[in-house]
Structures are given as C-alpha cells and as structure tokens.
Amino acid sequence: GGGLVQDGGSLRLSCAASGRTFSTYAMGWFR
C-alpha cells in the first residue's frame, strides 16, 4: 500500500500475516 502521494493526501497500508496465531499478538507500525 505504500507509494508516492502529494502533501495532504491519503494512503492505506496493509500488513498481511501468515499463521493462525495472528489474533494473539499486539501489532505495531513503525517507520
């Protein structure tokens, strides 16, 4: 979902996880 956008614009990032334990983790975004 990343890319180039102008100032004031919007983007939505997605993060797909493998495995059946996804719901047991806290999830974070860093940059």
Full PDB file with SEQRES, HELIX, SHEET, SSBOND, CRYST1, ORIGX, SCALE, CONECT and MASTER records, all heavy atoms in Angstrom:
SEQRES   1 A   31  GLY GLY GLY LEU VAL GLN ASP GLY GLY SER LEU ARG LEU          
SEQRES   2 A   31  SER CYS ALA ALA SER GLY ARG THR PHE SER THR TYR ALA          
SEQRES   3 A   31  MET GLY TRP PHE ARG                                          
HELIX    1 AA1 PHE A   22  THR A   24  5                                   3    
CRYST1    1.000    1.000    1.000  90.00  90.00  90.00 P 1           1          
ORIGX1      1.000000  0.000000  0.000000        0.00000                         
ORIGX2      0.000000  1.000000  0.000000        0.00000                         
ORIGX3      0.000000  0.000000  1.000000        0.00000                         
SCALE1      1.000000  0.000000  0.000000        0.00000                         
SCALE2      0.000000  1.000000  0.000000        0.00000                         
SCALE3      0.000000  0.000000  1.000000        0.00000                         
ATOM      1  N   GLY A   1       0.781  -1.234   0.000  1.00  0.00           N  
ATOM      2  CA  GLY A   1       0.000   0.000   0.000  1.00  0.00           C  
ATOM      3  C   GLY A   1       0.808   1.277   0.000  1.00  0.00           C  
ATOM      4  O   GLY A   1       0.239   2.371  -0.062  1.00  0.00           O  
ATOM      5  N   GLY A   2       2.118   1.164   0.085  1.00  0.00           N  
ATOM      6  CA  GLY A   2       2.939   2.366   0.035  1.00  0.00           C  
ATOM      7  C   GLY A   2       2.955   2.977  -1.350  1.00  0.00           C  
ATOM      8  O   GLY A   2       2.430   2.408  -2.312  1.00  0.00           O  
ATOM      9  N   GLY A   3       3.547   4.156  -1.443  1.00  0.00           N  
ATOM     10  CA  GLY A   3       3.635   4.823  -2.737  1.00  0.00           C  
ATOM     11  C   GLY A   3       3.957   6.287  -2.595  1.00  0.00           C  
ATOM     12  O   GLY A   3       4.348   6.749  -1.515  1.00  0.00           O  
ATOM     13  N   LEU A   4       3.780   7.005  -3.706  1.00  0.00           N  
ATOM     14  CA  LEU A   4       4.030   8.437  -3.760  1.00  0.00           C  
ATOM     15  C   LEU A   4       2.693   9.178  -3.702  1.00  0.00           C  
ATOM     16  O   LEU A   4       1.765   8.858  -4.455  1.00  0.00           O  
ATOM     17  CB  LEU A   4       4.763   8.785  -5.059  1.00  0.00           C  
ATOM     18  CG  LEU A   4       4.999  10.267  -5.357  1.00  0.00           C  
ATOM     19  CD1 LEU A   4       5.913  10.890  -4.308  1.00  0.00           C  
ATOM     20  CD2 LEU A   4       5.578  10.433  -6.762  1.00  0.00           C  
ATOM     21  N   VAL A   5       2.606  10.155  -2.814  1.00  0.00           N  
ATOM     22  CA  VAL A   5       1.366  10.906  -2.645  1.00  0.00           C  
ATOM     23  C   VAL A   5       1.715  12.369  -2.388  1.00  0.00           C  
ATOM     24  O   VAL A   5       2.783  12.671  -1.849  1.00  0.00           O  
ATOM     25  CB  VAL A   5       0.521  10.315  -1.489  1.00  0.00           C  
ATOM     26  CG1 VAL A   5       1.247  10.443  -0.161  1.00  0.00           C  
ATOM     27  CG2 VAL A   5      -0.864  10.931  -1.436  1.00  0.00           C  
ATOM     28  N   GLN A   6       0.829  13.247  -2.774  1.00  0.00           N  
ATOM     29  CA  GLN A   6       1.069  14.667  -2.547  1.00  0.00           C  
ATOM     30  C   GLN A   6       0.733  15.054  -1.114  1.00  0.00           C  
ATOM     31  O   GLN A   6      -0.056  14.381  -0.434  1.00  0.00           O  
ATOM     32  CB  GLN A   6       0.237  15.503  -3.519  1.00  0.00           C  
ATOM     33  CG  GLN A   6       0.705  15.413  -4.964  1.00  0.00           C  
ATOM     34  CD  GLN A   6      -0.003  16.422  -5.852  1.00  0.00           C  
ATOM     35  OE1 GLN A   6      -1.126  16.813  -5.589  1.00  0.00           O  
ATOM     36  NE2 GLN A   6       0.675  16.831  -6.916  1.00  0.00           N  
ATOM     37  N   ASP A   7       1.344  16.147  -0.689  1.00  0.00           N  
ATOM     38  CA  ASP A   7       1.076  16.696   0.633  1.00  0.00           C  
ATOM     39  C   ASP A   7      -0.441  16.875   0.819  1.00  0.00           C  
ATOM     40  O   ASP A   7      -1.118  17.413  -0.054  1.00  0.00           O  
ATOM     41  CB  ASP A   7       1.783  18.040   0.761  1.00  0.00           C  
ATOM     42  CG  ASP A   7       1.686  18.607   2.159  1.00  0.00           C  
ATOM     43  OD1 ASP A   7       2.469  18.177   3.008  1.00  0.00           O  
ATOM     44  OD2 ASP A   7       0.820  19.474   2.381  1.00  0.00           O  
ATOM     45  N   GLY A   8      -0.960  16.377   1.950  1.00  0.00           N  
ATOM     46  CA  GLY A   8      -2.391  16.450   2.220  1.00  0.00           C  
ATOM     47  C   GLY A   8      -3.172  15.237   1.748  1.00  0.00           C  
ATOM     48  O   GLY A   8      -4.368  15.101   2.044  1.00  0.00           O  
ATOM     49  N   GLY A   9      -2.519  14.339   1.049  1.00  0.00           N  
ATOM     50  CA  GLY A   9      -3.179  13.158   0.524  1.00  0.00           C  
ATOM     51  C   GLY A   9      -3.306  12.040   1.548  1.00  0.00           C  
ATOM     52  O   GLY A   9      -2.951  12.203   2.724  1.00  0.00           O  
ATOM     53  N   SER A  10      -3.807  10.895   1.073  1.00  0.00           N  
ATOM     54  CA  SER A  10      -4.053   9.752   1.951  1.00  0.00           C  
ATOM     55  C   SER A  10      -3.496   8.471   1.338  1.00  0.00           C  
ATOM     56  O   SER A  10      -3.403   8.341   0.113  1.00  0.00           O  
ATOM     57  CB  SER A  10      -5.560   9.563   2.178  1.00  0.00           C  
ATOM     58  OG  SER A  10      -6.130  10.676   2.821  1.00  0.00           O  
ATOM     59  N   LEU A  11      -3.160   7.555   2.205  1.00  0.00           N  
ATOM     60  CA  LEU A  11      -2.769   6.202   1.814  1.00  0.00           C  
ATOM     61  C   LEU A  11      -3.259   5.244   2.894  1.00  0.00           C  
ATOM     62  O   LEU A  11      -3.378   5.638   4.059  1.00  0.00           O  
ATOM     63  CB  LEU A  11      -1.243   6.070   1.702  1.00  0.00           C  
ATOM     64  CG  LEU A  11      -0.524   6.606   0.476  1.00  0.00           C  
ATOM     65  CD1 LEU A  11       0.983   6.473   0.660  1.00  0.00           C  
ATOM     66  CD2 LEU A  11      -0.968   5.895  -0.795  1.00  0.00           C  
ATOM     67  N   ARG A  12      -3.514   4.006   2.495  1.00  0.00           N  
ATOM     68  CA  ARG A  12      -3.809   2.965   3.475  1.00  0.00           C  
ATOM     69  C   ARG A  12      -2.799   1.852   3.309  1.00  0.00           C  
ATOM     70  O   ARG A  12      -2.716   1.239   2.236  1.00  0.00           O  
ATOM     71  CB  ARG A  12      -5.228   2.424   3.330  1.00  0.00           C  
ATOM     72  CG  ARG A  12      -5.568   1.458   4.477  1.00  0.00           C  
ATOM     73  CD  ARG A  12      -7.007   0.994   4.456  1.00  0.00           C  
ATOM     74  NE  ARG A  12      -7.212  -0.132   3.556  1.00  0.00           N  
ATOM     75  CZ  ARG A  12      -8.181  -1.035   3.701  1.00  0.00           C  
ATOM     76  NH1 ARG A  12      -9.015  -0.945   4.730  1.00  0.00           N  
ATOM     77  NH2 ARG A  12      -8.317  -2.006   2.826  1.00  0.00           N  
ATOM     78  N   LEU A  13      -2.058   1.595   4.351  1.00  0.00           N  
ATOM     79  CA  LEU A  13      -1.125   0.487   4.369  1.00  0.00           C  
ATOM     80  C   LEU A  13      -1.807  -0.750   4.927  1.00  0.00           C  
ATOM     81  O   LEU A  13      -2.642  -0.661   5.829  1.00  0.00           O  
ATOM     82  CB  LEU A  13       0.096   0.822   5.229  1.00  0.00           C  
ATOM     83  CG  LEU A  13       0.863   2.098   4.882  1.00  0.00           C  
ATOM     84  CD1 LEU A  13       2.083   2.238   5.797  1.00  0.00           C  
ATOM     85  CD2 LEU A  13       1.263   2.127   3.434  1.00  0.00           C  
ATOM     86  N   SER A  14      -1.436  -1.889   4.356  1.00  0.00           N  
ATOM     87  CA  SER A  14      -1.931  -3.171   4.850  1.00  0.00           C  
ATOM     88  C   SER A  14      -0.750  -4.047   5.230  1.00  0.00           C  
ATOM     89  O   SER A  14       0.329  -3.945   4.641  1.00  0.00           O  
ATOM     90  CB  SER A  14      -2.761  -3.880   3.778  1.00  0.00           C  
ATOM     91  OG  SER A  14      -3.883  -3.115   3.412  1.00  0.00           O  
ATOM     92  N   CYS A  15      -0.980  -4.904   6.184  1.00  0.00           N  
ATOM     93  CA  CYS A  15       0.055  -5.860   6.595  1.00  0.00           C  
ATOM     94  C   CYS A  15      -0.629  -7.208   6.778  1.00  0.00           C  
ATOM     95  O   CYS A  15      -1.432  -7.382   7.705  1.00  0.00           O  
ATOM     96  CB  CYS A  15       0.721  -5.403   7.881  1.00  0.00           C  
ATOM     97  SG  CYS A  15       1.877  -6.614   8.589  1.00  0.00           S  
ATOM     98  N   ALA A  16      -0.321  -8.127   5.886  1.00  0.00           N  
ATOM     99  CA  ALA A  16      -0.922  -9.460   5.935  1.00  0.00           C  
ATOM    100  C   ALA A  16       0.002 -10.402   6.689  1.00  0.00           C  
ATOM    101  O   ALA A  16       1.216 -10.459   6.418  1.00  0.00           O  
ATOM    102  CB  ALA A  16      -1.163  -9.972   4.523  1.00  0.00           C  
ATOM    103  N   ALA A  17      -0.576 -11.136   7.622  1.00  0.00           N  
ATOM    104  CA  ALA A  17       0.199 -12.053   8.454  1.00  0.00           C  
ATOM    105  C   ALA A  17      -0.128 -13.499   8.122  1.00  0.00           C  
ATOM    106  O   ALA A  17      -1.279 -13.839   7.849  1.00  0.00           O  
ATOM    107  CB  ALA A  17      -0.088 -11.798   9.929  1.00  0.00           C  
ATOM    108  N   SER A  18       0.879 -14.335   8.159  1.00  0.00           N  
ATOM    109  CA  SER A  18       0.663 -15.768   7.973  1.00  0.00           C  
ATOM    110  C   SER A  18       0.474 -16.415   9.342  1.00  0.00           C  
ATOM    111  O   SER A  18       0.808 -15.845  10.370  1.00  0.00           O  
ATOM    112  CB  SER A  18       1.863 -16.399   7.279  1.00  0.00           C  
ATOM    113  OG  SER A  18       3.001 -16.323   8.118  1.00  0.00           O  
ATOM    114  N   GLY A  19      -0.071 -17.627   9.347  1.00  0.00           N  
ATOM    115  CA  GLY A  19      -0.196 -18.346  10.597  1.00  0.00           C  
ATOM    116  C   GLY A  19      -1.521 -18.117  11.294  1.00  0.00           C  
ATOM    117  O   GLY A  19      -2.220 -17.138  11.038  1.00  0.00           O  
ATOM    118  N   ARG A  20      -1.839 -19.025  12.207  1.00  0.00           N  
ATOM    119  CA  ARG A  20      -3.125 -18.986  12.888  1.00  0.00           C  
ATOM    120  C   ARG A  20      -3.070 -18.273  14.223  1.00  0.00           C  
ATOM    121  O   ARG A  20      -4.044 -18.247  14.951  1.00  0.00           O  
ATOM    122  CB  ARG A  20      -3.636 -20.415  13.082  1.00  0.00           C  
ATOM    123  CG  ARG A  20      -4.063 -21.085  11.789  1.00  0.00           C  
ATOM    124  CD  ARG A  20      -4.550 -22.487  12.035  1.00  0.00           C  
ATOM    125  NE  ARG A  20      -3.432 -23.410  12.249  1.00  0.00           N  
ATOM    126  CZ  ARG A  20      -3.575 -24.710  12.442  1.00  0.00           C  
ATOM    127  NH1 ARG A  20      -4.771 -25.243  12.504  1.00  0.00           N  
ATOM    128  NH2 ARG A  20      -2.529 -25.463  12.600  1.00  0.00           N  
ATOM    129  N   THR A  21      -1.911 -17.663  14.549  1.00  0.00           N  
ATOM    130  CA  THR A  21      -1.766 -17.032  15.853  1.00  0.00           C  
ATOM    131  C   THR A  21      -1.820 -15.510  15.791  1.00  0.00           C  
ATOM    132  O   THR A  21      -1.533 -14.843  16.772  1.00  0.00           O  
ATOM    133  CB  THR A  21      -0.433 -17.453  16.484  1.00  0.00           C  
ATOM    134  OG1 THR A  21       0.641 -17.057  15.625  1.00  0.00           O  
ATOM    135  CG2 THR A  21      -0.400 -18.950  16.712  1.00  0.00           C  
ATOM    136  N   PHE A  22      -2.205 -14.968  14.645  1.00  0.00           N  
ATOM    137  CA  PHE A  22      -2.215 -13.513  14.466  1.00  0.00           C  
ATOM    138  C   PHE A  22      -2.980 -12.820  15.576  1.00  0.00           C  
ATOM    139  O   PHE A  22      -2.542 -11.812  16.122  1.00  0.00           O  
ATOM    140  CB  PHE A  22      -2.839 -13.181  13.109  1.00  0.00           C  
ATOM    141  CG  PHE A  22      -3.066 -11.717  12.886  1.00  0.00           C  
ATOM    142  CD1 PHE A  22      -2.018 -10.878  12.550  1.00  0.00           C  
ATOM    143  CD2 PHE A  22      -4.344 -11.165  13.000  1.00  0.00           C  
ATOM    144  CE1 PHE A  22      -2.227  -9.523  12.333  1.00  0.00           C  
ATOM    145  CE2 PHE A  22      -4.562  -9.811  12.785  1.00  0.00           C  
ATOM    146  CZ  PHE A  22      -3.499  -8.990  12.455  1.00  0.00           C  
ATOM    147  N   SER A  23      -4.142 -13.351  15.935  1.00  0.00           N  
ATOM    148  CA  SER A  23      -5.002 -12.677  16.914  1.00  0.00           C  
ATOM    149  C   SER A  23      -4.385 -12.615  18.310  1.00  0.00           C  
ATOM    150  O   SER A  23      -4.847 -11.848  19.158  1.00  0.00           O  
ATOM    151  CB  SER A  23      -6.362 -13.371  16.977  1.00  0.00           C  
ATOM    152  OG  SER A  23      -6.211 -14.697  17.433  1.00  0.00           O  
ATOM    153  N   THR A  24      -3.357 -13.400  18.557  1.00  0.00           N  
ATOM    154  CA  THR A  24      -2.743 -13.414  19.888  1.00  0.00           C  
ATOM    155  C   THR A  24      -1.657 -12.353  20.054  1.00  0.00           C  
ATOM    156  O   THR A  24      -1.127 -12.179  21.150  1.00  0.00           O  
ATOM    157  CB  THR A  24      -2.136 -14.783  20.205  1.00  0.00           C  
ATOM    158  OG1 THR A  24      -1.023 -15.012  19.330  1.00  0.00           O  
ATOM    159  CG2 THR A  24      -3.153 -15.898  20.053  1.00  0.00           C  
ATOM    160  N   TYR A  25      -1.315 -11.651  18.975  1.00  0.00           N  
ATOM    161  CA  TYR A  25      -0.251 -10.655  19.012  1.00  0.00           C  
ATOM    162  C   TYR A  25      -0.809  -9.236  19.018  1.00  0.00           C  
ATOM    163  O   TYR A  25      -1.819  -8.943  18.360  1.00  0.00           O  
ATOM    164  CB  TYR A  25       0.653 -10.800  17.794  1.00  0.00           C  
ATOM    165  CG  TYR A  25       1.552 -12.001  17.825  1.00  0.00           C  
ATOM    166  CD1 TYR A  25       1.153 -13.197  17.258  1.00  0.00           C  
ATOM    167  CD2 TYR A  25       2.807 -11.935  18.420  1.00  0.00           C  
ATOM    168  CE1 TYR A  25       1.973 -14.311  17.285  1.00  0.00           C  
ATOM    169  CE2 TYR A  25       3.637 -13.044  18.440  1.00  0.00           C  
ATOM    170  CZ  TYR A  25       3.211 -14.218  17.882  1.00  0.00           C  
ATOM    171  OH  TYR A  25       4.031 -15.312  17.906  1.00  0.00           O  
ATOM    172  N   ALA A  26      -0.129  -8.359  19.746  1.00  0.00           N  
ATOM    173  CA  ALA A  26      -0.294  -6.933  19.502  1.00  0.00           C  
ATOM    174  C   ALA A  26       0.444  -6.625  18.201  1.00  0.00           C  
ATOM    175  O   ALA A  26       1.450  -7.266  17.883  1.00  0.00           O  
ATOM    176  CB  ALA A  26       0.302  -6.128  20.651  1.00  0.00           C  
ATOM    177  N   MET A  27      -0.055  -5.657  17.455  1.00  0.00           N  
ATOM    178  CA  MET A  27       0.558  -5.295  16.177  1.00  0.00           C  
ATOM    179  C   MET A  27       0.946  -3.827  16.190  1.00  0.00           C  
ATOM    180  O   MET A  27       0.215  -2.983  16.718  1.00  0.00           O  
ATOM    181  CB  MET A  27      -0.429  -5.555  15.039  1.00  0.00           C  
ATOM    182  CG  MET A  27      -0.828  -7.016  14.888  1.00  0.00           C  
ATOM    183  SD  MET A  27       0.551  -8.114  14.528  1.00  0.00           S  
ATOM    184  CE  MET A  27       1.079  -7.479  12.927  1.00  0.00           C  
ATOM    185  N   GLY A  28       2.077  -3.545  15.599  1.00  0.00           N  
ATOM    186  CA  GLY A  28       2.554  -2.172  15.565  1.00  0.00           C  
ATOM    187  C   GLY A  28       2.997  -1.757  14.179  1.00  0.00           C  
ATOM    188  O   GLY A  28       3.320  -2.596  13.337  1.00  0.00           O  
ATOM    189  N   TRP A  29       2.965  -0.447  13.957  1.00  0.00           N  
ATOM    190  CA  TRP A  29       3.557   0.154  12.765  1.00  0.00           C  
ATOM    191  C   TRP A  29       4.702   1.063  13.229  1.00  0.00           C  
ATOM    192  O   TRP A  29       4.515   1.872  14.155  1.00  0.00           O  
ATOM    193  CB  TRP A  29       2.538   0.979  11.991  1.00  0.00           C  
ATOM    194  CG  TRP A  29       1.560   0.164  11.207  1.00  0.00           C  
ATOM    195  CD1 TRP A  29       0.296  -0.200  11.585  1.00  0.00           C  
ATOM    196  CD2 TRP A  29       1.760  -0.379   9.893  1.00  0.00           C  
ATOM    197  NE1 TRP A  29      -0.293  -0.950  10.599  1.00  0.00           N  
ATOM    198  CE2 TRP A  29       0.584  -1.073   9.540  1.00  0.00           C  
ATOM    199  CE3 TRP A  29       2.812  -0.365   8.976  1.00  0.00           C  
ATOM    200  CZ2 TRP A  29       0.426  -1.731   8.316  1.00  0.00           C  
ATOM    201  CZ3 TRP A  29       2.652  -1.014   7.774  1.00  0.00           C  
ATOM    202  CH2 TRP A  29       1.476  -1.695   7.455  1.00  0.00           C  
ATOM    203  N   PHE A  30       5.837   0.911  12.588  1.00  0.00           N  
ATOM    204  CA  PHE A  30       6.994   1.754  12.812  1.00  0.00           C  
ATOM    205  C   PHE A  30       7.393   2.358  11.466  1.00  0.00           C  
ATOM    206  O   PHE A  30       6.964   1.890  10.410  1.00  0.00           O  
ATOM    207  CB  PHE A  30       8.162   0.924  13.365  1.00  0.00           C  
ATOM    208  CG  PHE A  30       7.978   0.501  14.800  1.00  0.00           C  
ATOM    209  CD1 PHE A  30       7.077  -0.505  15.121  1.00  0.00           C  
ATOM    210  CD2 PHE A  30       8.691   1.097  15.818  1.00  0.00           C  
ATOM    211  CE1 PHE A  30       6.886  -0.898  16.442  1.00  0.00           C  
ATOM    212  CE2 PHE A  30       8.510   0.709  17.139  1.00  0.00           C  
ATOM    213  CZ  PHE A  30       7.609  -0.291  17.442  1.00  0.00           C  
ATOM    214  N   ARG A  31       8.215   3.399  11.523  1.00  0.00           N  
ATOM    215  CA  ARG A  31       8.719   3.972  10.278  1.00  0.00           C  
ATOM    216  C   ARG A  31      10.163   4.396  10.459  1.00  0.00           C  
ATOM    217  O   ARG A  31      10.596   4.701  11.567  1.00  0.00           O  
ATOM    218  CB  ARG A  31       7.854   5.154   9.835  1.00  0.00           C  
ATOM    219  CG  ARG A  31       7.919   6.378  10.742  1.00  0.00           C  
ATOM    220  CD  ARG A  31       6.902   7.409  10.281  1.00  0.00           C  
ATOM    221  NE  ARG A  31       6.947   8.612  11.117  1.00  0.00           N  
ATOM    222  CZ  ARG A  31       6.067   9.610  11.020  1.00  0.00           C  
ATOM    223  NH1 ARG A  31       5.069   9.567  10.132  1.00  0.00           N  
ATOM    224  NH2 ARG A  31       6.197  10.667  11.809  1.00  0.00           N  
TER     225      ARG A  31                                                      
MASTER        0    0    0    1    0    0    0    6  224    1    0    3          
END                                                                             
